[in-house]
Amino acid sequence: ADMNDSGNGNLLEIPLFRTEEGRYLATSLGDPLIKGLTEVANQR
């Protein structure tokens, strides 16, 4: 949600993130993706 509000993407518009599969992705990949995307934004 923070990324979407900042104009960095429209991830919340993807229906997948409102499904059971989306919750699975969040719990499985949440930490590494958030940290990885943060580093991409910081180091460009």
All heavy atoms as atom14 arrays in JSON, in Angstrom:
{
  "sequence": "ADMNDSGNGNLLEIPLFRTEEGRYLATSLGDPLIKGLTEVANQR",
  "atom14_mask": [
    [1, 1, 1, 1, 1, 0, 0, 0, 0, 0, 0, 0, 0, 0],
    [1, 1, 1, 1, 1, 1, 1, 1, 0, 0, 0, 0, 0, 0],
    [1, 1, 1, 1, 1, 1, 1, 1, 0, 0, 0, 0, 0, 0],
    [1, 1, 1, 1, 1, 1, 1, 1, 0, 0, 0, 0, 0, 0],
    [1, 1, 1, 1, 1, 1, 1, 1, 0, 0, 0, 0, 0, 0],
    [1, 1, 1, 1, 1, 1, 0, 0, 0, 0, 0, 0, 0, 0],
    [1, 1, 1, 1, 0, 0, 0, 0, 0, 0, 0, 0, 0, 0],
    [1, 1, 1, 1, 1, 1, 1, 1, 0, 0, 0, 0, 0, 0],
    [1, 1, 1, 1, 0, 0, 0, 0, 0, 0, 0, 0, 0, 0],
    [1, 1, 1, 1, 1, 1, 1, 1, 0, 0, 0, 0, 0, 0],
    [1, 1, 1, 1, 1, 1, 1, 1, 0, 0, 0, 0, 0, 0],
    [1, 1, 1, 1, 1, 1, 1, 1, 0, 0, 0, 0, 0, 0],
    [1, 1, 1, 1, 1, 1, 1, 1, 1, 0, 0, 0, 0, 0],
    [1, 1, 1, 1, 1, 1, 1, 1, 0, 0, 0, 0, 0, 0],
    [1, 1, 1, 1, 1, 1, 1, 0, 0, 0, 0, 0, 0, 0],
    [1, 1, 1, 1, 1, 1, 1, 1, 0, 0, 0, 0, 0, 0],
    [1, 1, 1, 1, 1, 1, 1, 1, 1, 1, 1, 0, 0, 0],
    [1, 1, 1, 1, 1, 1, 1, 1, 1, 1, 1, 0, 0, 0],
    [1, 1, 1, 1, 1, 1, 1, 0, 0, 0, 0, 0, 0, 0],
    [1, 1, 1, 1, 1, 1, 1, 1, 1, 0, 0, 0, 0, 0],
    [1, 1, 1, 1, 1, 1, 1, 1, 1, 0, 0, 0, 0, 0],
    [1, 1, 1, 1, 0, 0, 0, 0, 0, 0, 0, 0, 0, 0],
    [1, 1, 1, 1, 1, 1, 1, 1, 1, 1, 1, 0, 0, 0],
    [1, 1, 1, 1, 1, 1, 1, 1, 1, 1, 1, 1, 0, 0],
    [1, 1, 1, 1, 1, 1, 1, 1, 0, 0, 0, 0, 0, 0],
    [1, 1, 1, 1, 1, 0, 0, 0, 0, 0, 0, 0, 0, 0],
    [1, 1, 1, 1, 1, 1, 1, 0, 0, 0, 0, 0, 0, 0],
    [1, 1, 1, 1, 1, 1, 0, 0, 0, 0, 0, 0, 0, 0],
    [1, 1, 1, 1, 1, 1, 1, 1, 0, 0, 0, 0, 0, 0],
    [1, 1, 1, 1, 0, 0, 0, 0, 0, 0, 0, 0, 0, 0],
    [1, 1, 1, 1, 1, 1, 1, 1, 0, 0, 0, 0, 0, 0],
    [1, 1, 1, 1, 1, 1, 1, 0, 0, 0, 0, 0, 0, 0],
    [1, 1, 1, 1, 1, 1, 1, 1, 0, 0, 0, 0, 0, 0],
    [1, 1, 1, 1, 1, 1, 1, 1, 0, 0, 0, 0, 0, 0],
    [1, 1, 1, 1, 1, 1, 1, 1, 1, 0, 0, 0, 0, 0],
    [1, 1, 1, 1, 0, 0, 0, 0, 0, 0, 0, 0, 0, 0],
    [1, 1, 1, 1, 1, 1, 1, 1, 0, 0, 0, 0, 0, 0],
    [1, 1, 1, 1, 1, 1, 1, 0, 0, 0, 0, 0, 0, 0],
    [1, 1, 1, 1, 1, 1, 1, 1, 1, 0, 0, 0, 0, 0],
    [1, 1, 1, 1, 1, 1, 1, 0, 0, 0, 0, 0, 0, 0],
    [1, 1, 1, 1, 1, 0, 0, 0, 0, 0, 0, 0, 0, 0],
    [1, 1, 1, 1, 1, 1, 1, 1, 0, 0, 0, 0, 0, 0],
    [1, 1, 1, 1, 1, 1, 1, 1, 1, 0, 0, 0, 0, 0],
    [1, 1, 1, 1, 1, 1, 1, 1, 1, 1, 1, 0, 0, 0]
  ],
  "atom14_positions": [
    [[0.82, -1.2, 0.0], [0.0, 0.0, 0.0], [0.86, 1.25, 0.0], [0.58, 2.23, -0.7], [-0.93, -0.01, 1.22], [0.0, 0.0, 0.0], [0.0, 0.0, 0.0], [0.0, 0.0, 0.0], [0.0, 0.0, 0.0], [0.0, 0.0, 0.0], [0.0, 0.0, 0.0], [0.0, 0.0, 0.0], [0.0, 0.0, 0.0], [0.0, 0.0, 0.0]],
    [[1.94, 1.24, 0.8], [2.84, 2.38, 0.85], [3.46, 2.64, -0.51], [3.57, 3.78, -0.96], [3.95, 2.13, 1.89], [3.39, 2.13, 3.32], [2.28, 2.67, 3.51], [4.08, 1.59, 4.2], [0.0, 0.0, 0.0], [0.0, 0.0, 0.0], [0.0, 0.0, 0.0], [0.0, 0.0, 0.0], [0.0, 0.0, 0.0], [0.0, 0.0, 0.0]],
    [[3.88, 1.54, -1.18], [4.5, 1.7, -2.5], [3.49, 2.25, -3.49], [3.81, 3.1, -4.32], [5.03, 0.35, -2.99], [6.22, -0.17, -2.2], [6.73, -1.77, -2.8], [7.17, -1.35, -4.46], [0.0, 0.0, 0.0], [0.0, 0.0, 0.0], [0.0, 0.0, 0.0], [0.0, 0.0, 0.0], [0.0, 0.0, 0.0], [0.0, 0.0, 0.0]],
    [[2.26, 1.8, -3.39], [1.24, 2.26, -4.32], [0.95, 3.74, -4.11], [0.79, 4.51, -5.05], [-0.03, 1.44, -4.13], [-0.98, 1.52, -5.32], [-0.56, 1.27, -6.44], [-2.22, 1.86, -5.06], [0.0, 0.0, 0.0], [0.0, 0.0, 0.0], [0.0, 0.0, 0.0], [0.0, 0.0, 0.0], [0.0, 0.0, 0.0], [0.0, 0.0, 0.0]],
    [[0.89, 4.15, -2.83], [0.62, 5.55, -2.53], [1.74, 6.45, -3.0], [1.54, 7.62, -3.31], [0.43, 5.73, -1.02], [-0.87, 5.06, -0.54], [-1.73, 4.8, -1.41], [-0.99, 4.79, 0.67], [0.0, 0.0, 0.0], [0.0, 0.0, 0.0], [0.0, 0.0, 0.0], [0.0, 0.0, 0.0], [0.0, 0.0, 0.0], [0.0, 0.0, 0.0]],
    [[2.96, 5.89, -3.06], [4.11, 6.69, -3.47], [4.25, 6.78, -4.97], [5.19, 7.39, -5.48], [5.4, 6.09, -2.88], [5.31, 6.05, -1.47], [0.0, 0.0, 0.0], [0.0, 0.0, 0.0], [0.0, 0.0, 0.0], [0.0, 0.0, 0.0], [0.0, 0.0, 0.0], [0.0, 0.0, 0.0], [0.0, 0.0, 0.0], [0.0, 0.0, 0.0]],
    [[3.37, 6.09, -5.69], [3.43, 6.16, -7.15], [4.44, 5.24, -7.76], [4.85, 5.41, -8.9], [0.0, 0.0, 0.0], [0.0, 0.0, 0.0], [0.0, 0.0, 0.0], [0.0, 0.0, 0.0], [0.0, 0.0, 0.0], [0.0, 0.0, 0.0], [0.0, 0.0, 0.0], [0.0, 0.0, 0.0], [0.0, 0.0, 0.0], [0.0, 0.0, 0.0]],
    [[4.89, 4.23, -6.99], [5.92, 3.32, -7.51], [5.34, 2.08, -8.15], [6.04, 1.13, -8.44], [6.86, 2.9, -6.35], [7.7, 4.07, -5.88], [7.97, 4.97, -6.67], [8.06, 4.06, -4.61], [0.0, 0.0, 0.0], [0.0, 0.0, 0.0], [0.0, 0.0, 0.0], [0.0, 0.0, 0.0], [0.0, 0.0, 0.0], [0.0, 0.0, 0.0]],
    [[4.05, 2.0, -8.33], [3.49, 0.81, -8.97], [2.02, 0.69, -8.66], [1.46, 1.48, -7.88], [0.0, 0.0, 0.0], [0.0, 0.0, 0.0], [0.0, 0.0, 0.0], [0.0, 0.0, 0.0], [0.0, 0.0, 0.0], [0.0, 0.0, 0.0], [0.0, 0.0, 0.0], [0.0, 0.0, 0.0], [0.0, 0.0, 0.0], [0.0, 0.0, 0.0]],
    [[1.38, -0.28, -9.28], [-0.04, -0.51, -9.06], [-0.29, -1.94, -8.6], [-1.19, -2.6, -9.07], [-0.82, -0.24, -10.36], [-0.74, 1.21, -10.75], [-0.96, 2.09, -9.92], [-0.44, 1.46, -12.01], [0.0, 0.0, 0.0], [0.0, 0.0, 0.0], [0.0, 0.0, 0.0], [0.0, 0.0, 0.0], [0.0, 0.0, 0.0], [0.0, 0.0, 0.0]],
    [[0.55, -2.4, -7.67], [0.46, -3.79, -7.25], [-0.89, -4.12, -6.63], [-1.39, -5.21, -6.77], [1.58, -4.11, -6.23], [3.0, -4.07, -6.8], [4.0, -4.34, -5.7], [3.15, -5.1, -7.92], [0.0, 0.0, 0.0], [0.0, 0.0, 0.0], [0.0, 0.0, 0.0], [0.0, 0.0, 0.0], [0.0, 0.0, 0.0], [0.0, 0.0, 0.0]],
    [[-1.49, -3.14, -5.93], [-2.75, -3.43, -5.27], [-3.89, -3.64, -6.25], [-4.95, -4.12, -5.89], [-3.11, -2.3, -4.3], [-2.2, -2.19, -3.06], [-2.66, -1.06, -2.18], [-2.19, -3.49, -2.29], [0.0, 0.0, 0.0], [0.0, 0.0, 0.0], [0.0, 0.0, 0.0], [0.0, 0.0, 0.0], [0.0, 0.0, 0.0], [0.0, 0.0, 0.0]],
    [[-3.67, -3.26, -7.51], [-4.71, -3.45, -8.5], [-4.74, -4.87, -9.06], [-5.63, -5.24, -9.79], [-4.5, -2.46, -9.66], [-4.59, -1.0, -9.23], [-5.93, -0.69, -8.57], [-6.96, -1.17, -9.09], [-5.95, 0.01, -7.56], [0.0, 0.0, 0.0], [0.0, 0.0, 0.0], [0.0, 0.0, 0.0], [0.0, 0.0, 0.0], [0.0, 0.0, 0.0]],
    [[-3.72, -5.65, -8.7], [-3.66, -7.03, -9.2], [-4.58, -7.9, -8.35], [-4.39, -8.0, -7.13], [-2.22, -7.57, -9.14], [-1.3, -6.68, -9.96], [-2.17, -9.01, -9.63], [0.16, -7.07, -9.89], [0.0, 0.0, 0.0], [0.0, 0.0, 0.0], [0.0, 0.0, 0.0], [0.0, 0.0, 0.0], [0.0, 0.0, 0.0], [0.0, 0.0, 0.0]],
    [[-5.59, -8.54, -8.93], [-6.55, -9.33, -8.15], [-5.9, -10.42, -7.32], [-6.42, -10.81, -6.3], [-7.48, -9.91, -9.22], [-7.33, -9.0, -10.39], [-5.92, -8.51, -10.36], [0.0, 0.0, 0.0], [0.0, 0.0, 0.0], [0.0, 0.0, 0.0], [0.0, 0.0, 0.0], [0.0, 0.0, 0.0], [0.0, 0.0, 0.0], [0.0, 0.0, 0.0]],
    [[-4.74, -10.92, -7.76], [-4.08, -12.03, -7.07], [-3.88, -11.73, -5.59], [-4.0, -12.6, -4.75], [-2.74, -12.33, -7.74], [-1.84, -13.37, -7.05], [-2.54, -14.72, -7.05], [-0.5, -13.45, -7.73], [0.0, 0.0, 0.0], [0.0, 0.0, 0.0], [0.0, 0.0, 0.0], [0.0, 0.0, 0.0], [0.0, 0.0, 0.0], [0.0, 0.0, 0.0]],
    [[-3.56, -10.46, -5.25], [-3.23, -10.14, -3.88], [-4.45, -10.11, -2.95], [-4.31, -9.89, -1.76], [-2.48, -8.8, -3.81], [-1.09, -8.9, -4.36], [-0.82, -8.56, -5.67], [-0.07, -9.39, -3.57], [0.46, -8.66, -6.17], [1.21, -9.5, -4.07], [1.48, -9.15, -5.38], [0.0, 0.0, 0.0], [0.0, 0.0, 0.0], [0.0, 0.0, 0.0]],
    [[-5.63, -10.32, -3.51], [-6.82, -10.4, -2.67], [-7.29, -11.84, -2.52], [-8.35, -12.08, -1.96], [-7.93, -9.54, -3.29], [-7.6, -8.06, -3.32], [-8.85, -7.25, -3.61], [-9.37, -7.51, -4.95], [-9.0, -6.82, -6.03], [-8.12, -5.84, -5.92], [-9.52, -7.08, -7.21], [0.0, 0.0, 0.0], [0.0, 0.0, 0.0], [0.0, 0.0, 0.0]],
    [[-6.53, -12.79, -3.03], [-6.93, -14.2, -2.99], [-6.08, -14.98, -1.99], [-5.12, -14.46, -1.42], [-6.74, -14.84, -4.38], [-5.34, -14.85, -4.69], [-7.51, -14.06, -5.44], [0.0, 0.0, 0.0], [0.0, 0.0, 0.0], [0.0, 0.0, 0.0], [0.0, 0.0, 0.0], [0.0, 0.0, 0.0], [0.0, 0.0, 0.0], [0.0, 0.0, 0.0]],
    [[-6.44, -16.25, -1.81], [-5.65, -17.11, -0.93], [-4.24, -17.27, -1.45], [-3.28, -17.31, -0.68], [-6.33, -18.48, -0.84], [-5.6, -19.47, 0.07], [-6.26, -20.82, 0.12], [-7.38, -20.93, -0.42], [-5.67, -21.75, 0.69], [0.0, 0.0, 0.0], [0.0, 0.0, 0.0], [0.0, 0.0, 0.0], [0.0, 0.0, 0.0], [0.0, 0.0, 0.0]],
    [[-4.11, -17.34, -2.81], [-2.78, -17.44, -3.4], [-1.96, -16.19, -3.07], [-0.75, -16.25, -2.84], [-2.89, -17.61, -4.92], [-3.39, -18.97, -5.36], [-4.89, -19.09, -5.29], [-5.54, -18.08, -4.93], [-5.42, -20.17, -5.6], [0.0, 0.0, 0.0], [0.0, 0.0, 0.0], [0.0, 0.0, 0.0], [0.0, 0.0, 0.0], [0.0, 0.0, 0.0]],
    [[-2.64, -15.04, -3.06], [-1.94, -13.8, -2.74], [-1.43, -13.79, -1.31], [-0.32, -13.34, -1.03], [0.0, 0.0, 0.0], [0.0, 0.0, 0.0], [0.0, 0.0, 0.0], [0.0, 0.0, 0.0], [0.0, 0.0, 0.0], [0.0, 0.0, 0.0], [0.0, 0.0, 0.0], [0.0, 0.0, 0.0], [0.0, 0.0, 0.0], [0.0, 0.0, 0.0]],
    [[-2.25, -14.3, -0.39], [-1.81, -14.37, 1.0], [-0.64, -15.32, 1.15], [0.28, -15.09, 1.94], [-2.99, -14.82, 1.89], [-4.07, -13.75, 2.01], [-5.09, -14.12, 3.09], [-5.89, -15.28, 2.71], [-7.0, -15.2, 1.98], [-7.43, -14.03, 1.55], [-7.69, -16.29, 1.69], [0.0, 0.0, 0.0], [0.0, 0.0, 0.0], [0.0, 0.0, 0.0]],
    [[-0.67, -16.4, 0.36], [0.47, -17.33, 0.38], [1.74, -16.64, -0.1], [2.81, -16.77, 0.5], [0.17, -18.54, -0.51], [1.39, -19.32, -0.88], [2.02, -20.13, 0.04], [1.94, -19.23, -2.15], [3.17, -20.83, -0.29], [3.08, -19.92, -2.49], [3.69, -20.72, -1.56], [4.82, -21.41, -1.88], [0.0, 0.0, 0.0], [0.0, 0.0, 0.0]],
    [[1.63, -15.87, -1.2], [2.8, -15.16, -1.71], [3.32, -14.16, -0.69], [4.53, -13.97, -0.53], [2.44, -14.44, -3.02], [2.17, -15.34, -4.24], [1.7, -14.49, -5.41], [3.43, -16.1, -4.62], [0.0, 0.0, 0.0], [0.0, 0.0, 0.0], [0.0, 0.0, 0.0], [0.0, 0.0, 0.0], [0.0, 0.0, 0.0], [0.0, 0.0, 0.0]],
    [[2.39, -13.5, 0.0], [2.81, -12.51, 0.98], [3.59, -13.14, 2.12], [4.64, -12.64, 2.52], [1.58, -11.77, 1.52], [0.0, 0.0, 0.0], [0.0, 0.0, 0.0], [0.0, 0.0, 0.0], [0.0, 0.0, 0.0], [0.0, 0.0, 0.0], [0.0, 0.0, 0.0], [0.0, 0.0, 0.0], [0.0, 0.0, 0.0], [0.0, 0.0, 0.0]],
    [[3.08, -14.26, 2.64], [3.77, -14.89, 3.77], [5.07, -15.55, 3.34], [6.02, -15.64, 4.11], [2.85, -15.94, 4.43], [2.42, -16.89, 3.45], [1.63, -15.27, 5.05], [0.0, 0.0, 0.0], [0.0, 0.0, 0.0], [0.0, 0.0, 0.0], [0.0, 0.0, 0.0], [0.0, 0.0, 0.0], [0.0, 0.0, 0.0], [0.0, 0.0, 0.0]],
    [[5.13, -16.05, 2.1], [6.32, -16.76, 1.64], [7.42, -15.82, 1.15], [8.6, -16.06, 1.38], [5.96, -17.73, 0.5], [5.02, -18.67, 0.93], [0.0, 0.0, 0.0], [0.0, 0.0, 0.0], [0.0, 0.0, 0.0], [0.0, 0.0, 0.0], [0.0, 0.0, 0.0], [0.0, 0.0, 0.0], [0.0, 0.0, 0.0], [0.0, 0.0, 0.0]],
    [[7.01, -14.73, 0.47], [7.98, -13.87, -0.21], [8.01, -12.45, 0.31], [8.77, -11.62, -0.19], [7.68, -13.84, -1.72], [7.65, -15.19, -2.43], [7.24, -15.01, -3.88], [9.0, -15.86, -2.36], [0.0, 0.0, 0.0], [0.0, 0.0, 0.0], [0.0, 0.0, 0.0], [0.0, 0.0, 0.0], [0.0, 0.0, 0.0], [0.0, 0.0, 0.0]],
    [[7.17, -12.17, 1.31], [7.05, -10.79, 1.78], [8.36, -10.17, 2.2], [8.76, -9.1, 1.7], [0.0, 0.0, 0.0], [0.0, 0.0, 0.0], [0.0, 0.0, 0.0], [0.0, 0.0, 0.0], [0.0, 0.0, 0.0], [0.0, 0.0, 0.0], [0.0, 0.0, 0.0], [0.0, 0.0, 0.0], [0.0, 0.0, 0.0], [0.0, 0.0, 0.0]],
    [[9.07, -10.8, 3.14], [10.3, -10.23, 3.68], [11.37, -9.99, 2.61], [11.88, -8.87, 2.48], [10.87, -11.14, 4.78], [10.07, -11.02, 6.06], [9.26, -10.08, 6.17], [10.25, -11.87, 6.96], [0.0, 0.0, 0.0], [0.0, 0.0, 0.0], [0.0, 0.0, 0.0], [0.0, 0.0, 0.0], [0.0, 0.0, 0.0], [0.0, 0.0, 0.0]],
    [[11.75, -11.02, 1.82], [12.82, -10.78, 0.84], [12.43, -9.76, -0.23], [13.27, -8.96, -0.64], [13.06, -12.16, 0.22], [11.84, -12.95, 0.52], [11.33, -12.44, 1.82], [0.0, 0.0, 0.0], [0.0, 0.0, 0.0], [0.0, 0.0, 0.0], [0.0, 0.0, 0.0], [0.0, 0.0, 0.0], [0.0, 0.0, 0.0], [0.0, 0.0, 0.0]],
    [[11.16, -9.77, -0.67], [10.77, -8.83, -1.71], [10.76, -7.39, -1.21], [11.21, -6.47, -1.89], [9.39, -9.2, -2.26], [9.36, -10.3, -3.33], [7.93, -10.57, -3.77], [10.2, -9.91, -4.53], [0.0, 0.0, 0.0], [0.0, 0.0, 0.0], [0.0, 0.0, 0.0], [0.0, 0.0, 0.0], [0.0, 0.0, 0.0], [0.0, 0.0, 0.0]],
    [[10.23, -7.19, 0.0], [10.2, -5.83, 0.56], [11.61, -5.28, 0.71], [11.92, -4.15, 0.32], [9.47, -5.83, 1.92], [7.98, -6.09, 1.7], [9.66, -4.49, 2.63], [7.21, -6.32, 2.98], [0.0, 0.0, 0.0], [0.0, 0.0, 0.0], [0.0, 0.0, 0.0], [0.0, 0.0, 0.0], [0.0, 0.0, 0.0], [0.0, 0.0, 0.0]],
    [[12.52, -6.12, 1.27], [13.9, -5.67, 1.46], [14.6, -5.44, 0.13], [15.35, -4.48, -0.04], [14.65, -6.7, 2.31], [14.15, -6.78, 3.75], [14.86, -7.87, 4.53], [14.32, -7.95, 5.95], [14.96, -9.05, 6.73], [0.0, 0.0, 0.0], [0.0, 0.0, 0.0], [0.0, 0.0, 0.0], [0.0, 0.0, 0.0], [0.0, 0.0, 0.0]],
    [[14.35, -6.37, -0.83], [14.99, -6.24, -2.13], [14.53, -5.0, -2.87], [15.34, -4.26, -3.44], [0.0, 0.0, 0.0], [0.0, 0.0, 0.0], [0.0, 0.0, 0.0], [0.0, 0.0, 0.0], [0.0, 0.0, 0.0], [0.0, 0.0, 0.0], [0.0, 0.0, 0.0], [0.0, 0.0, 0.0], [0.0, 0.0, 0.0], [0.0, 0.0, 0.0]],
    [[13.22, -4.75, -2.86], [12.69, -3.57, -3.54], [13.17, -2.28, -2.88], [13.4, -1.26, -3.54], [11.16, -3.62, -3.56], [10.56, -4.72, -4.44], [9.04, -4.8, -4.23], [10.86, -4.48, -5.91], [0.0, 0.0, 0.0], [0.0, 0.0, 0.0], [0.0, 0.0, 0.0], [0.0, 0.0, 0.0], [0.0, 0.0, 0.0], [0.0, 0.0, 0.0]],
    [[13.33, -2.33, -1.55], [13.85, -1.16, -0.84], [15.27, -0.84, -1.29], [15.63, 0.32, -1.51], [13.83, -1.41, 0.68], [12.48, -1.64, 1.09], [14.38, -0.2, 1.43], [0.0, 0.0, 0.0], [0.0, 0.0, 0.0], [0.0, 0.0, 0.0], [0.0, 0.0, 0.0], [0.0, 0.0, 0.0], [0.0, 0.0, 0.0], [0.0, 0.0, 0.0]],
    [[16.1, -1.89, -1.45], [17.47, -1.68, -1.9], [17.52, -1.16, -3.33], [18.36, -0.32, -3.67], [18.28, -2.98, -1.78], [18.57, -3.4, -0.34], [19.35, -2.35, 0.41], [20.16, -1.65, -0.22], [19.13, -2.21, 1.62], [0.0, 0.0, 0.0], [0.0, 0.0, 0.0], [0.0, 0.0, 0.0], [0.0, 0.0, 0.0], [0.0, 0.0, 0.0]],
    [[16.61, -1.65, -4.18], [16.55, -1.15, -5.56], [16.24, 0.34, -5.55], [16.86, 1.13, -6.27], [15.48, -1.92, -6.37], [15.24, -1.24, -7.72], [15.91, -3.36, -6.59], [0.0, 0.0, 0.0], [0.0, 0.0, 0.0], [0.0, 0.0, 0.0], [0.0, 0.0, 0.0], [0.0, 0.0, 0.0], [0.0, 0.0, 0.0], [0.0, 0.0, 0.0]],
    [[15.26, 0.74, -4.71], [14.88, 2.15, -4.63], [16.01, 3.01, -4.09], [16.23, 4.14, -4.54], [13.64, 2.31, -3.76], [0.0, 0.0, 0.0], [0.0, 0.0, 0.0], [0.0, 0.0, 0.0], [0.0, 0.0, 0.0], [0.0, 0.0, 0.0], [0.0, 0.0, 0.0], [0.0, 0.0, 0.0], [0.0, 0.0, 0.0], [0.0, 0.0, 0.0]],
    [[16.76, 2.47, -3.12], [17.85, 3.26, -2.51], [19.06, 3.39, -3.42], [19.68, 4.45, -3.52], [18.27, 2.61, -1.18], [17.2, 2.75, -0.11], [16.35, 3.64, -0.19], [17.24, 1.89, 0.9], [0.0, 0.0, 0.0], [0.0, 0.0, 0.0], [0.0, 0.0, 0.0], [0.0, 0.0, 0.0], [0.0, 0.0, 0.0], [0.0, 0.0, 0.0]],
    [[19.42, 2.28, -4.11], [20.65, 2.3, -4.89], [20.45, 2.66, -6.35], [21.4, 3.02, -7.04], [21.33, 0.92, -4.79], [21.71, 0.56, -3.35], [22.87, -0.41, -3.3], [23.59, -0.59, -4.27], [23.05, -1.04, -2.14], [0.0, 0.0, 0.0], [0.0, 0.0, 0.0], [0.0, 0.0, 0.0], [0.0, 0.0, 0.0], [0.0, 0.0, 0.0]],
    [[19.22, 2.51, -6.86], [18.91, 2.85, -8.25], [19.95, 2.28, -9.22], [20.64, 3.03, -9.93], [18.8, 4.36, -8.43], [17.68, 4.98, -7.6], [17.57, 6.48, -7.81], [16.51, 7.03, -7.0], [15.23, 7.06, -7.35], [14.88, 6.55, -8.52], [14.31, 7.58, -6.55], [0.0, 0.0, 0.0], [0.0, 0.0, 0.0], [0.0, 0.0, 0.0]]
  ]
}
